[in-house]
Amino acid sequence: MSHGGEKAIKAALLANGAIAAMKLAGALLSGSASMLAEFKHSLADASNSLFLLAGVRQSGKPSDTRFQFGYGKASFFWSFVAAVAMLSVGGVFSIYGGIKKVLHPEELEYVNLNLGIIGASIAFELFSLYSALKGICQDGGRPTGGFRVFPEAMKMLSKAAPTSRFIFFEDTAALLGLLIAGAALVISSASGHTVYDGIASIIIGIMLLVIGFYTAKQNMDSITGEAADPELVCMVGDFVKTLPEITDIHRIKTMRVGPSAYLLNLIVEGDKNLTLAEVDDINFQVKMEIEKKFPEIRYTHVTMIEEDNTDNWSEYCHNISEKDK
């Protein structure tokens, strides 16, 4: 996990802690279900930040005899736990509170105070979101600031560490939730019908369920051992084919072992007249060249076999391009 990503988690933790305290005060004073749902959302977000921070610290531990490919997947586990917390604490309880408010509406008080809290919360969330966007850019190897950070981060979102992605989705959901809660308070106050406040709480809960399920699914894939992005695989294969003595790529397999970290198993083809000593030297050189050019490839295993006069690599790339259509 990058230093920028860890800073994004710390920024989110501080912002969500302050926001949760403000929302709780507003919810208790006004009796607003949507504000109470927003408090639960921020409380879940703050708890999630602690989970993510634990994952970052654990995933940064060096490999040892027991975990020979490192502790990188720990960040996926803790991100999964955070997603489950968002599903349960944030989503389910918000929907329950909203349904209760719709069935048993109560008069809203201190509406202006709540709107002020929502405005301050938006400012905190924007700060946290900006930190998350900078963390995504740093994960992608392109540190960026200012107004360019948003378009650059969107380009690298799929390649970012799971913790950085989670903070991004979390902050985006929080901003949408605040806008919904604010609109519900204004409508309920103007119309005199507090049912809109309860409906807003249900909408916020459903939104949290959707985002929680999506992020949980992403992290489950990473824990299971998903392959690297096909674009990266093709770049590695094309590069290897340019190396001396390599005639073709027979097979290439990858597995994610941490944030922006992959295990590569590569079978290349070469001239059948090469000696065993020459093959060993070539395998070692290929490994070194790959890990030098592609820092995300942390562990590489290369095997050379006799060329079979079939263009296996072109066929592989063709199959990949067909699947992407």
C-alpha atoms as a PDB file:
ATOM      1  CA  MET A   1       0.000   0.000   0.000  1.00  0.00           C
ATOM      2  CA  SER A   2       1.384   3.406  -0.961  1.00  0.00           C
ATOM      3  CA  HIS A   3       2.117   6.136   1.565  1.00  0.00           C
ATOM      4  CA  GLY A   4      -0.470   8.295  -0.225  1.00  0.00           C
ATOM      5  CA  GLY A   5      -3.106   5.605   0.273  1.00  0.00           C
ATOM      6  CA  GLU A   6      -2.384   5.425   4.010  1.00  0.00           C
ATOM      7  CA  LYS A   7      -2.680   9.211   4.257  1.00  0.00           C
ATOM      8  CA  ALA A   8      -6.081   8.973   2.528  1.00  0.00           C
ATOM      9  CA  ILE A   9      -7.283   6.464   5.148  1.00  0.00           C
ATOM     10  CA  LYS A  10      -6.108   8.697   8.006  1.00  0.00           C
ATOM     11  CA  ALA A  11      -7.819  11.709   6.428  1.00  0.00           C
ATOM     12  CA  ALA A  12     -11.047   9.711   6.070  1.00  0.00           C
ATOM     13  CA  LEU A  13     -10.817   8.549   9.700  1.00  0.00           C
ATOM     14  CA  LEU A  14     -10.467  12.105  11.030  1.00  0.00           C
ATOM     15  CA  ALA A  15     -13.184  13.479   8.746  1.00  0.00           C
ATOM     16  CA  ASN A  16     -15.683  10.701   9.494  1.00  0.00           C
ATOM     17  CA  GLY A  17     -15.114  10.951  13.245  1.00  0.00           C
ATOM     18  CA  ALA A  18     -15.868  14.689  13.241  1.00  0.00           C
ATOM     19  CA  ILE A  19     -18.840  14.253  10.901  1.00  0.00           C
ATOM     20  CA  ALA A  20     -20.347  11.434  12.986  1.00  0.00           C
ATOM     21  CA  ALA A  21     -20.258  13.594  16.129  1.00  0.00           C
ATOM     22  CA  MET A  22     -21.989  16.492  14.348  1.00  0.00           C
ATOM     23  CA  LYS A  23     -24.645  14.262  12.780  1.00  0.00           C
ATOM     24  CA  LEU A  24     -25.436  12.556  16.074  1.00  0.00           C
ATOM     25  CA  ALA A  25     -25.998  15.921  17.742  1.00  0.00           C
ATOM     26  CA  GLY A  26     -28.241  17.026  14.895  1.00  0.00           C
ATOM     27  CA  ALA A  27     -30.210  13.757  14.863  1.00  0.00           C
ATOM     28  CA  LEU A  28     -30.831  13.824  18.638  1.00  0.00           C
ATOM     29  CA  LEU A  29     -31.951  17.464  18.592  1.00  0.00           C
ATOM     30  CA  SER A  30     -34.194  17.253  15.518  1.00  0.00           C
ATOM     31  CA  GLY A  31     -35.455  13.664  15.526  1.00  0.00           C
ATOM     32  CA  SER A  32     -34.555  13.361  11.820  1.00  0.00           C
ATOM     33  CA  ALA A  33     -34.430   9.753  10.557  1.00  0.00           C
ATOM     34  CA  SER A  34     -32.322  10.694   7.538  1.00  0.00           C
ATOM     35  CA  MET A  35     -29.834  12.500   9.796  1.00  0.00           C
ATOM     36  CA  LEU A  36     -29.717   9.478  12.117  1.00  0.00           C
ATOM     37  CA  ALA A  37     -29.127   7.277   9.053  1.00  0.00           C
ATOM     38  CA  GLU A  38     -26.306   9.612   8.058  1.00  0.00           C
ATOM     39  CA  PHE A  39     -24.828   9.316  11.574  1.00  0.00           C
ATOM     40  CA  LYS A  40     -24.841   5.507  11.251  1.00  0.00           C
ATOM     41  CA  HIS A  41     -23.253   5.896   7.815  1.00  0.00           C
ATOM     42  CA  SER A  42     -20.434   8.076   9.210  1.00  0.00           C
ATOM     43  CA  LEU A  43     -19.967   5.806  12.227  1.00  0.00           C
ATOM     44  CA  ALA A  44     -19.625   2.831   9.881  1.00  0.00           C
ATOM     45  CA  ASP A  45     -17.206   4.842   7.720  1.00  0.00           C
ATOM     46  CA  ALA A  46     -15.022   5.712  10.718  1.00  0.00           C
ATOM     47  CA  SER A  47     -14.982   2.066  11.841  1.00  0.00           C
ATOM     48  CA  ASN A  48     -14.135   0.992   8.295  1.00  0.00           C
ATOM     49  CA  SER A  49     -11.170   3.363   8.257  1.00  0.00           C
ATOM     50  CA  LEU A  50      -9.788   1.573  11.326  1.00  0.00           C
ATOM     51  CA  PHE A  51     -10.211  -1.781   9.550  1.00  0.00           C
ATOM     52  CA  LEU A  52      -8.459  -0.440   6.447  1.00  0.00           C
ATOM     53  CA  LEU A  53      -5.614   1.024   8.496  1.00  0.00           C
ATOM     54  CA  ALA A  54      -5.108  -2.358  10.168  1.00  0.00           C
ATOM     55  CA  GLY A  55      -4.998  -3.983   6.726  1.00  0.00           C
ATOM     56  CA  VAL A  56      -2.424  -1.499   5.450  1.00  0.00           C
ATOM     57  CA  ARG A  57      -0.136  -2.058   8.423  1.00  0.00           C
ATOM     58  CA  GLN A  58      -0.398  -5.846   8.194  1.00  0.00           C
ATOM     59  CA  SER A  59       0.002  -6.021   4.402  1.00  0.00           C
ATOM     60  CA  GLY A  60       3.241  -4.048   4.643  1.00  0.00           C
ATOM     61  CA  LYS A  61       4.986  -6.771   6.668  1.00  0.00           C
ATOM     62  CA  PRO A  62       7.840  -8.518   4.814  1.00  0.00           C
ATOM     63  CA  SER A  63       7.470 -12.125   3.667  1.00  0.00           C
ATOM     64  CA  ASP A  64       8.657 -14.889   5.980  1.00  0.00           C
ATOM     65  CA  THR A  65       8.885 -18.692   6.032  1.00  0.00           C
ATOM     66  CA  ARG A  66       5.160 -19.061   6.753  1.00  0.00           C
ATOM     67  CA  PHE A  67       3.847 -16.440   4.304  1.00  0.00           C
ATOM     68  CA  GLN A  68       6.410 -16.689   1.548  1.00  0.00           C
ATOM     69  CA  PHE A  69       4.550 -14.359  -0.837  1.00  0.00           C
ATOM     70  CA  GLY A  70       4.063 -11.701   1.810  1.00  0.00           C
ATOM     71  CA  TYR A  71       1.038 -10.408   3.711  1.00  0.00           C
ATOM     72  CA  GLY A  72      -0.415  -8.340   0.854  1.00  0.00           C
ATOM     73  CA  LYS A  73      -3.790 -10.098   0.857  1.00  0.00           C
ATOM     74  CA  ALA A  74      -4.434  -8.888   4.412  1.00  0.00           C
ATOM     75  CA  SER A  75      -5.557  -5.559   2.947  1.00  0.00           C
ATOM     76  CA  PHE A  76      -8.177  -7.396   0.867  1.00  0.00           C
ATOM     77  CA  PHE A  77      -9.507  -9.179   3.954  1.00  0.00           C
ATOM     78  CA  TRP A  78      -9.860  -6.006   6.006  1.00  0.00           C
ATOM     79  CA  SER A  79     -11.409  -4.179   3.053  1.00  0.00           C
ATOM     80  CA  PHE A  80     -13.911  -7.045   2.826  1.00  0.00           C
ATOM     81  CA  VAL A  81     -14.691  -6.672   6.544  1.00  0.00           C
ATOM     82  CA  ALA A  82     -15.223  -2.934   6.004  1.00  0.00           C
ATOM     83  CA  ALA A  83     -17.615  -3.659   3.118  1.00  0.00           C
ATOM     84  CA  VAL A  84     -19.622  -6.067   5.276  1.00  0.00           C
ATOM     85  CA  ALA A  85     -19.801  -3.388   7.986  1.00  0.00           C
ATOM     86  CA  MET A  86     -21.138  -0.935   5.415  1.00  0.00           C
ATOM     87  CA  LEU A  87     -23.754  -3.498   4.346  1.00  0.00           C
ATOM     88  CA  SER A  88     -24.950  -4.232   7.886  1.00  0.00           C
ATOM     89  CA  VAL A  89     -24.437  -1.125  10.040  1.00  0.00           C
ATOM     90  CA  GLY A  90     -24.803   1.448   7.285  1.00  0.00           C
ATOM     91  CA  GLY A  91     -27.326  -0.142   4.949  1.00  0.00           C
ATOM     92  CA  VAL A  92     -29.662  -2.380   6.947  1.00  0.00           C
ATOM     93  CA  PHE A  93     -30.092  -0.084   9.944  1.00  0.00           C
ATOM     94  CA  SER A  94     -30.677   2.964   7.740  1.00  0.00           C
ATOM     95  CA  ILE A  95     -33.448   1.161   5.885  1.00  0.00           C
ATOM     96  CA  TYR A  96     -34.977  -0.016   9.176  1.00  0.00           C
ATOM     97  CA  GLY A  97     -34.902   3.521  10.603  1.00  0.00           C
ATOM     98  CA  GLY A  98     -36.453   4.919   7.437  1.00  0.00           C
ATOM     99  CA  ILE A  99     -39.312   2.398   7.420  1.00  0.00           C
ATOM    100  CA  LYS A 100     -39.986   3.156  11.094  1.00  0.00           C
ATOM    101  CA  LYS A 101     -40.098   6.888  10.306  1.00  0.00           C
ATOM    102  CA  VAL A 102     -42.492   6.398   7.387  1.00  0.00           C
ATOM    103  CA  LEU A 103     -44.869   4.281   9.491  1.00  0.00           C
ATOM    104  CA  HIS A 104     -44.629   6.508  12.561  1.00  0.00           C
ATOM    105  CA  PRO A 105     -43.752  10.060  11.430  1.00  0.00           C
ATOM    106  CA  GLU A 106     -42.598  12.600  14.011  1.00  0.00           C
ATOM    107  CA  GLU A 107     -42.240  16.351  13.835  1.00  0.00           C
ATOM    108  CA  LEU A 108     -38.832  17.662  12.791  1.00  0.00           C
ATOM    109  CA  GLU A 109     -37.030  20.283  14.874  1.00  0.00           C
ATOM    110  CA  TYR A 110     -33.840  22.316  14.446  1.00  0.00           C
ATOM    111  CA  VAL A 111     -33.972  21.942  10.669  1.00  0.00           C
ATOM    112  CA  ASN A 112     -31.618  24.884  10.064  1.00  0.00           C
ATOM    113  CA  LEU A 113     -29.083  23.407  12.475  1.00  0.00           C
ATOM    114  CA  ASN A 114     -29.185  20.097  10.600  1.00  0.00           C
ATOM    115  CA  LEU A 115     -28.741  21.853   7.268  1.00  0.00           C
ATOM    116  CA  GLY A 116     -25.702  23.631   8.703  1.00  0.00           C
ATOM    117  CA  ILE A 117     -24.291  20.291   9.896  1.00  0.00           C
ATOM    118  CA  ILE A 118     -24.868  18.811   6.438  1.00  0.00           C
ATOM    119  CA  GLY A 119     -22.996  21.745   4.848  1.00  0.00           C
ATOM    120  CA  ALA A 120     -20.033  21.305   7.207  1.00  0.00           C
ATOM    121  CA  SER A 121     -20.091  17.537   6.625  1.00  0.00           C
ATOM    122  CA  ILE A 122     -19.926  18.052   2.863  1.00  0.00           C
ATOM    123  CA  ALA A 123     -16.784  20.170   3.339  1.00  0.00           C
ATOM    124  CA  PHE A 124     -15.160  17.411   5.438  1.00  0.00           C
ATOM    125  CA  GLU A 125     -16.153  14.722   2.914  1.00  0.00           C
ATOM    126  CA  LEU A 126     -14.734  16.735   0.010  1.00  0.00           C
ATOM    127  CA  PHE A 127     -11.436  16.961   1.892  1.00  0.00           C
ATOM    128  CA  SER A 128     -11.468  13.191   2.472  1.00  0.00           C
ATOM    129  CA  LEU A 129     -12.437  12.489  -1.156  1.00  0.00           C
ATOM    130  CA  TYR A 130      -9.609  14.702  -2.446  1.00  0.00           C
ATOM    131  CA  SER A 131      -7.146  12.759  -0.257  1.00  0.00           C
ATOM    132  CA  ALA A 132      -8.534   9.486  -1.644  1.00  0.00           C
ATOM    133  CA  LEU A 133      -8.155  10.706  -5.230  1.00  0.00           C
ATOM    134  CA  LYS A 134      -4.532  11.681  -4.561  1.00  0.00           C
ATOM    135  CA  GLY A 135      -3.946   8.238  -3.038  1.00  0.00           C
ATOM    136  CA  ILE A 136      -5.361   6.548  -6.161  1.00  0.00           C
ATOM    137  CA  CYS A 137      -3.018   8.588  -8.366  1.00  0.00           C
ATOM    138  CA  GLN A 138      -0.055   7.654  -6.183  1.00  0.00           C
ATOM    139  CA  ASP A 139      -1.050   3.961  -6.317  1.00  0.00           C
ATOM    140  CA  GLY A 140      -1.005   4.244 -10.112  1.00  0.00           C
ATOM    141  CA  GLY A 141       2.477   5.769 -10.105  1.00  0.00           C
ATOM    142  CA  ARG A 142       1.318   9.238 -11.182  1.00  0.00           C
ATOM    143  CA  PRO A 143       1.205  11.564  -8.159  1.00  0.00           C
ATOM    144  CA  THR A 144      -1.149  14.416  -9.073  1.00  0.00           C
ATOM    145  CA  GLY A 145      -2.676  17.394  -7.293  1.00  0.00           C
ATOM    146  CA  GLY A 146      -5.038  20.278  -7.971  1.00  0.00           C
ATOM    147  CA  PHE A 147      -7.988  20.084 -10.321  1.00  0.00           C
ATOM    148  CA  ARG A 148      -6.293  17.413 -12.487  1.00  0.00           C
ATOM    149  CA  VAL A 149      -6.501  14.865  -9.683  1.00  0.00           C
ATOM    150  CA  PHE A 150     -10.093  13.797 -10.479  1.00  0.00           C
ATOM    151  CA  PRO A 151      -9.692  12.864 -14.192  1.00  0.00           C
ATOM    152  CA  GLU A 152      -6.318  11.232 -13.517  1.00  0.00           C
ATOM    153  CA  ALA A 153      -7.708   9.188 -10.619  1.00  0.00           C
ATOM    154  CA  MET A 154     -10.646   7.994 -12.730  1.00  0.00           C
ATOM    155  CA  LYS A 155      -8.199   6.604 -15.304  1.00  0.00           C
ATOM    156  CA  MET A 156      -6.333   4.614 -12.642  1.00  0.00           C
ATOM    157  CA  LEU A 157      -9.245   3.589 -10.406  1.00  0.00           C
ATOM    158  CA  SER A 158      -9.234  -0.062 -11.508  1.00  0.00           C
ATOM    159  CA  LYS A 159      -5.485  -0.330 -10.798  1.00  0.00           C
ATOM    160  CA  ALA A 160      -5.587   1.336  -7.374  1.00  0.00           C
ATOM    161  CA  ALA A 161      -5.100  -0.516  -4.107  1.00  0.00           C
ATOM    162  CA  PRO A 162      -8.379  -1.915  -2.694  1.00  0.00           C
ATOM    163  CA  THR A 163      -8.186   0.356   0.339  1.00  0.00           C
ATOM    164  CA  SER A 164      -7.871   3.489  -1.829  1.00  0.00           C
ATOM    165  CA  ARG A 165     -10.796   2.343  -3.987  1.00  0.00           C
ATOM    166  CA  PHE A 166     -12.901   1.657  -0.903  1.00  0.00           C
ATOM    167  CA  ILE A 167     -12.272   5.141   0.524  1.00  0.00           C
ATOM    168  CA  PHE A 168     -13.223   6.644  -2.849  1.00  0.00           C
ATOM    169  CA  PHE A 169     -16.538   4.746  -3.040  1.00  0.00           C
ATOM    170  CA  GLU A 170     -17.203   5.405   0.638  1.00  0.00           C
ATOM    171  CA  ASP A 171     -16.714   9.169   0.283  1.00  0.00           C
ATOM    172  CA  THR A 172     -18.772   9.287  -2.910  1.00  0.00           C
ATOM    173  CA  ALA A 173     -21.637   7.499  -1.156  1.00  0.00           C
ATOM    174  CA  ALA A 174     -21.321   9.851   1.803  1.00  0.00           C
ATOM    175  CA  LEU A 175     -21.596  12.939  -0.406  1.00  0.00           C
ATOM    176  CA  LEU A 176     -24.644  11.546  -2.201  1.00  0.00           C
ATOM    177  CA  GLY A 177     -26.197  10.610   1.138  1.00  0.00           C
ATOM    178  CA  LEU A 178     -25.664  14.114   2.509  1.00  0.00           C
ATOM    179  CA  LEU A 179     -27.302  15.692  -0.533  1.00  0.00           C
ATOM    180  CA  ILE A 180     -30.263  13.317  -0.232  1.00  0.00           C
ATOM    181  CA  ALA A 181     -30.618  13.982   3.508  1.00  0.00           C
ATOM    182  CA  GLY A 182     -30.419  17.744   2.960  1.00  0.00           C
ATOM    183  CA  ALA A 183     -33.034  17.671   0.214  1.00  0.00           C
ATOM    184  CA  ALA A 184     -35.329  15.524   2.399  1.00  0.00           C
ATOM    185  CA  LEU A 185     -35.068  17.957   5.310  1.00  0.00           C
ATOM    186  CA  VAL A 186     -35.920  20.925   3.099  1.00  0.00           C
ATOM    187  CA  ILE A 187     -38.899  19.143   1.477  1.00  0.00           C
ATOM    188  CA  SER A 188     -40.189  17.795   4.803  1.00  0.00           C
ATOM    189  CA  SER A 189     -39.911  21.213   6.451  1.00  0.00           C
ATOM    190  CA  ALA A 190     -41.572  23.034   3.546  1.00  0.00           C
ATOM    191  CA  SER A 191     -44.409  20.532   3.092  1.00  0.00           C
ATOM    192  CA  GLY A 192     -44.957  19.618   6.724  1.00  0.00           C
ATOM    193  CA  HIS A 193     -44.800  15.910   5.834  1.00  0.00           C
ATOM    194  CA  THR A 194     -41.911  14.128   7.548  1.00  0.00           C
ATOM    195  CA  VAL A 195     -42.500  10.989   5.486  1.00  0.00           C
ATOM    196  CA  TYR A 196     -39.965  12.362   2.968  1.00  0.00           C
ATOM    197  CA  ASP A 197     -37.311  12.240   5.679  1.00  0.00           C
ATOM    198  CA  GLY A 198     -38.009   8.527   6.195  1.00  0.00           C
ATOM    199  CA  ILE A 199     -37.946   7.857   2.453  1.00  0.00           C
ATOM    200  CA  ALA A 200     -34.556   9.560   2.232  1.00  0.00           C
ATOM    201  CA  SER A 201     -33.238   7.261   4.971  1.00  0.00           C
ATOM    202  CA  ILE A 202     -34.418   4.214   2.991  1.00  0.00           C
ATOM    203  CA  ILE A 203     -32.754   5.531  -0.204  1.00  0.00           C
ATOM    204  CA  ILE A 204     -29.478   6.122   1.669  1.00  0.00           C
ATOM    205  CA  GLY A 205     -29.646   2.581   3.076  1.00  0.00           C
ATOM    206  CA  ILE A 206     -30.224   1.022  -0.349  1.00  0.00           C
ATOM    207  CA  MET A 207     -27.308   3.018  -1.769  1.00  0.00           C
ATOM    208  CA  LEU A 208     -25.034   1.733   1.012  1.00  0.00           C
ATOM    209  CA  LEU A 209     -26.159  -1.858   0.362  1.00  0.00           C
ATOM    210  CA  VAL A 210     -25.302  -1.550  -3.336  1.00  0.00           C
ATOM    211  CA  ILE A 211     -21.858  -0.009  -2.733  1.00  0.00           C
ATOM    212  CA  GLY A 212     -21.115  -2.420   0.131  1.00  0.00           C
ATOM    213  CA  PHE A 213     -21.976  -5.453  -1.996  1.00  0.00           C
ATOM    214  CA  TYR A 214     -19.910  -4.164  -4.933  1.00  0.00           C
ATOM    215  CA  THR A 215     -16.790  -3.529  -2.834  1.00  0.00           C
ATOM    216  CA  ALA A 216     -17.212  -6.845  -0.987  1.00  0.00           C
ATOM    217  CA  LYS A 217     -17.352  -8.671  -4.336  1.00  0.00           C
ATOM    218  CA  GLN A 218     -14.202  -6.899  -5.553  1.00  0.00           C
ATOM    219  CA  ASN A 219     -12.261  -7.869  -2.445  1.00  0.00           C
ATOM    220  CA  MET A 220     -13.561 -11.439  -2.524  1.00  0.00           C
ATOM    221  CA  ASP A 221     -12.136 -11.753  -6.053  1.00  0.00           C
ATOM    222  CA  SER A 222      -8.757 -10.469  -4.846  1.00  0.00           C
ATOM    223  CA  ILE A 223      -8.711 -12.818  -1.852  1.00  0.00           C
ATOM    224  CA  THR A 224      -9.585 -15.753  -4.115  1.00  0.00           C
ATOM    225  CA  GLY A 225      -6.619 -14.900  -6.353  1.00  0.00           C
ATOM    226  CA  GLU A 226      -7.815 -13.075  -9.466  1.00  0.00           C
ATOM    227  CA  ALA A 227      -5.471 -12.690 -12.429  1.00  0.00           C
ATOM    228  CA  ALA A 228      -3.783  -9.446 -13.424  1.00  0.00           C
ATOM    229  CA  ASP A 229      -5.512  -7.106 -15.817  1.00  0.00           C
ATOM    230  CA  PRO A 230      -5.284  -8.502 -19.408  1.00  0.00           C
ATOM    231  CA  GLU A 231      -3.661  -5.252 -20.529  1.00  0.00           C
ATOM    232  CA  LEU A 232      -0.778  -5.766 -18.086  1.00  0.00           C
ATOM    233  CA  VAL A 233      -0.460  -9.450 -19.071  1.00  0.00           C
ATOM    234  CA  CYS A 234      -0.210  -8.536 -22.765  1.00  0.00           C
ATOM    235  CA  MET A 235       2.369  -5.838 -22.026  1.00  0.00           C
ATOM    236  CA  VAL A 236       4.505  -8.348 -20.117  1.00  0.00           C
ATOM    237  CA  GLY A 237       4.204 -10.975 -22.864  1.00  0.00           C
ATOM    238  CA  ASP A 238       5.009  -8.508 -25.653  1.00  0.00           C
ATOM    239  CA  PHE A 239       8.063  -7.341 -23.709  1.00  0.00           C
ATOM    240  CA  VAL A 240       9.320 -10.888 -23.063  1.00  0.00           C
ATOM    241  CA  LYS A 241       9.046 -11.731 -26.770  1.00  0.00           C
ATOM    242  CA  THR A 242      11.566  -8.971 -27.531  1.00  0.00           C
ATOM    243  CA  LEU A 243      14.200 -10.531 -25.272  1.00  0.00           C
ATOM    244  CA  PRO A 244      17.082 -12.525 -26.796  1.00  0.00           C
ATOM    245  CA  GLU A 245      16.627 -16.290 -27.283  1.00  0.00           C
ATOM    246  CA  ILE A 246      12.823 -16.120 -26.651  1.00  0.00           C
ATOM    247  CA  THR A 247      10.893 -17.364 -29.694  1.00  0.00           C
ATOM    248  CA  ASP A 248       7.381 -17.490 -28.221  1.00  0.00           C
ATOM    249  CA  ILE A 249       5.278 -17.327 -25.036  1.00  0.00           C
ATOM    250  CA  HIS A 250       3.827 -20.789 -24.464  1.00  0.00           C
ATOM    251  CA  ARG A 251       1.774 -19.968 -21.364  1.00  0.00           C
ATOM    252  CA  ILE A 252       1.403 -17.102 -18.939  1.00  0.00           C
ATOM    253  CA  LYS A 253      -0.503 -17.119 -15.649  1.00  0.00           C
ATOM    254  CA  THR A 254      -0.808 -14.440 -13.000  1.00  0.00           C
ATOM    255  CA  MET A 255      -2.337 -14.098  -9.544  1.00  0.00           C
ATOM    256  CA  ARG A 256      -2.836 -11.050  -7.328  1.00  0.00           C
ATOM    257  CA  VAL A 257      -0.918 -11.430  -4.059  1.00  0.00           C
ATOM    258  CA  GLY A 258      -1.362  -7.902  -2.718  1.00  0.00           C
ATOM    259  CA  PRO A 259      -2.285  -4.332  -3.654  1.00  0.00           C
ATOM    260  CA  SER A 260      -0.589  -3.744  -7.027  1.00  0.00           C
ATOM    261  CA  ALA A 261       1.426  -6.951  -6.535  1.00  0.00           C
ATOM    262  CA  TYR A 262       1.283 -10.081  -8.693  1.00  0.00           C
ATOM    263  CA  LEU A 263       2.753 -13.553  -8.964  1.00  0.00           C
ATOM    264  CA  LEU A 264       3.767 -14.494 -12.537  1.00  0.00           C
ATOM    265  CA  ASN A 265       4.207 -18.022 -13.857  1.00  0.00           C
ATOM    266  CA  LEU A 266       5.700 -17.944 -17.341  1.00  0.00           C
ATOM    267  CA  ILE A 267       6.559 -20.706 -19.818  1.00  0.00           C
ATOM    268  CA  VAL A 268       8.607 -19.489 -22.765  1.00  0.00           C
ATOM    269  CA  GLU A 269       9.888 -21.290 -25.859  1.00  0.00           C
ATOM    270  CA  GLY A 270      13.443 -21.332 -27.167  1.00  0.00           C
ATOM    271  CA  ASP A 271      15.832 -23.125 -29.491  1.00  0.00           C
ATOM    272  CA  LYS A 272      16.091 -26.856 -28.798  1.00  0.00           C
ATOM    273  CA  ASN A 273      19.889 -26.712 -29.198  1.00  0.00           C
ATOM    274  CA  LEU A 274      20.397 -24.539 -26.123  1.00  0.00           C
ATOM    275  CA  THR A 275      22.320 -26.181 -23.277  1.00  0.00           C
ATOM    276  CA  LEU A 276      20.874 -26.587 -19.803  1.00  0.00           C
ATOM    277  CA  ALA A 277      23.272 -23.963 -18.468  1.00  0.00           C
ATOM    278  CA  GLU A 278      22.213 -21.502 -21.190  1.00  0.00           C
ATOM    279  CA  VAL A 279      18.534 -22.133 -20.430  1.00  0.00           C
ATOM    280  CA  ASP A 280      19.117 -21.440 -16.728  1.00  0.00           C
ATOM    281  CA  ASP A 281      20.882 -18.165 -17.568  1.00  0.00           C
ATOM    282  CA  ILE A 282      18.087 -17.112 -19.933  1.00  0.00           C
ATOM    283  CA  ASN A 283      15.376 -17.919 -17.378  1.00  0.00           C
ATOM    284  CA  PHE A 284      17.160 -15.875 -14.734  1.00  0.00           C
ATOM    285  CA  GLN A 285      17.697 -12.953 -17.129  1.00  0.00           C
ATOM    286  CA  VAL A 286      14.042 -12.971 -18.199  1.00  0.00           C
ATOM    287  CA  LYS A 287      12.950 -12.904 -14.557  1.00  0.00           C
ATOM    288  CA  MET A 288      15.228  -9.964 -13.758  1.00  0.00           C
ATOM    289  CA  GLU A 289      14.169  -7.982 -16.839  1.00  0.00           C
ATOM    290  CA  ILE A 290      10.446  -8.475 -16.091  1.00  0.00           C
ATOM    291  CA  GLU A 291      10.691  -7.403 -12.453  1.00  0.00           C
ATOM    292  CA  LYS A 292      12.839  -4.412 -13.429  1.00  0.00           C
ATOM    293  CA  LYS A 293      10.380  -3.145 -16.057  1.00  0.00           C
ATOM    294  CA  PHE A 294       7.156  -4.079 -14.215  1.00  0.00           C
ATOM    295  CA  PRO A 295       7.485  -3.300 -10.476  1.00  0.00           C
ATOM    296  CA  GLU A 296       4.007  -4.739  -9.827  1.00  0.00           C
ATOM    297  CA  ILE A 297       5.334  -8.197 -10.762  1.00  0.00           C
ATOM    298  CA  ARG A 298       6.832  -9.133  -7.391  1.00  0.00           C
ATOM    299  CA  TYR A 299       7.372 -12.881  -7.848  1.00  0.00           C
ATOM    300  CA  THR A 300       8.332 -14.449 -11.173  1.00  0.00           C
ATOM    301  CA  HIS A 301       8.867 -18.072 -12.158  1.00  0.00           C
ATOM    302  CA  VAL A 302      10.188 -18.723 -15.670  1.00  0.00           C
ATOM    303  CA  THR A 303      10.445 -22.083 -17.424  1.00  0.00           C
ATOM    304  CA  MET A 304      11.804 -22.616 -20.948  1.00  0.00           C
ATOM    305  CA  ILE A 305      10.658 -25.445 -23.230  1.00  0.00           C
ATOM    306  CA  GLU A 306      11.484 -26.402 -26.811  1.00  0.00           C
ATOM    307  CA  GLU A 307       9.695 -24.267 -29.416  1.00  0.00           C
ATOM    308  CA  ASP A 308       6.681 -25.996 -30.989  1.00  0.00           C
ATOM    309  CA  ASN A 309       6.475 -23.841 -34.153  1.00  0.00           C
ATOM    310  CA  THR A 310       3.022 -22.572 -33.156  1.00  0.00           C
ATOM    311  CA  ASP A 311       2.341 -18.900 -32.536  1.00  0.00           C
ATOM    312  CA  ASN A 312       0.845 -19.401 -29.071  1.00  0.00           C
ATOM    313  CA  TRP A 313       1.222 -15.784 -27.971  1.00  0.00           C
ATOM    314  CA  SER A 314      -0.658 -14.298 -30.937  1.00  0.00           C
ATOM    315  CA  GLU A 315      -3.464 -16.790 -30.364  1.00  0.00           C
ATOM    316  CA  TYR A 316      -3.614 -15.868 -26.668  1.00  0.00           C
ATOM    317  CA  CYS A 317      -3.783 -12.124 -27.396  1.00  0.00           C
ATOM    318  CA  HIS A 318      -6.479 -12.725 -30.008  1.00  0.00           C
ATOM    319  CA  ASN A 319      -8.592 -14.649 -27.507  1.00  0.00           C
ATOM    320  CA  ILE A 320      -8.173 -11.856 -24.944  1.00  0.00           C
ATOM    321  CA  SER A 321      -9.259  -9.177 -27.436  1.00  0.00           C
ATOM    322  CA  GLU A 322     -12.309 -11.254 -28.403  1.00  0.00           C
ATOM    323  CA  LYS A 323     -13.388 -11.537 -24.763  1.00  0.00           C
ATOM    324  CA  ASP A 324     -13.096  -7.761 -24.318  1.00  0.00           C
ATOM    325  CA  LYS A 325     -15.498  -7.056 -27.182  1.00  0.00           C
END
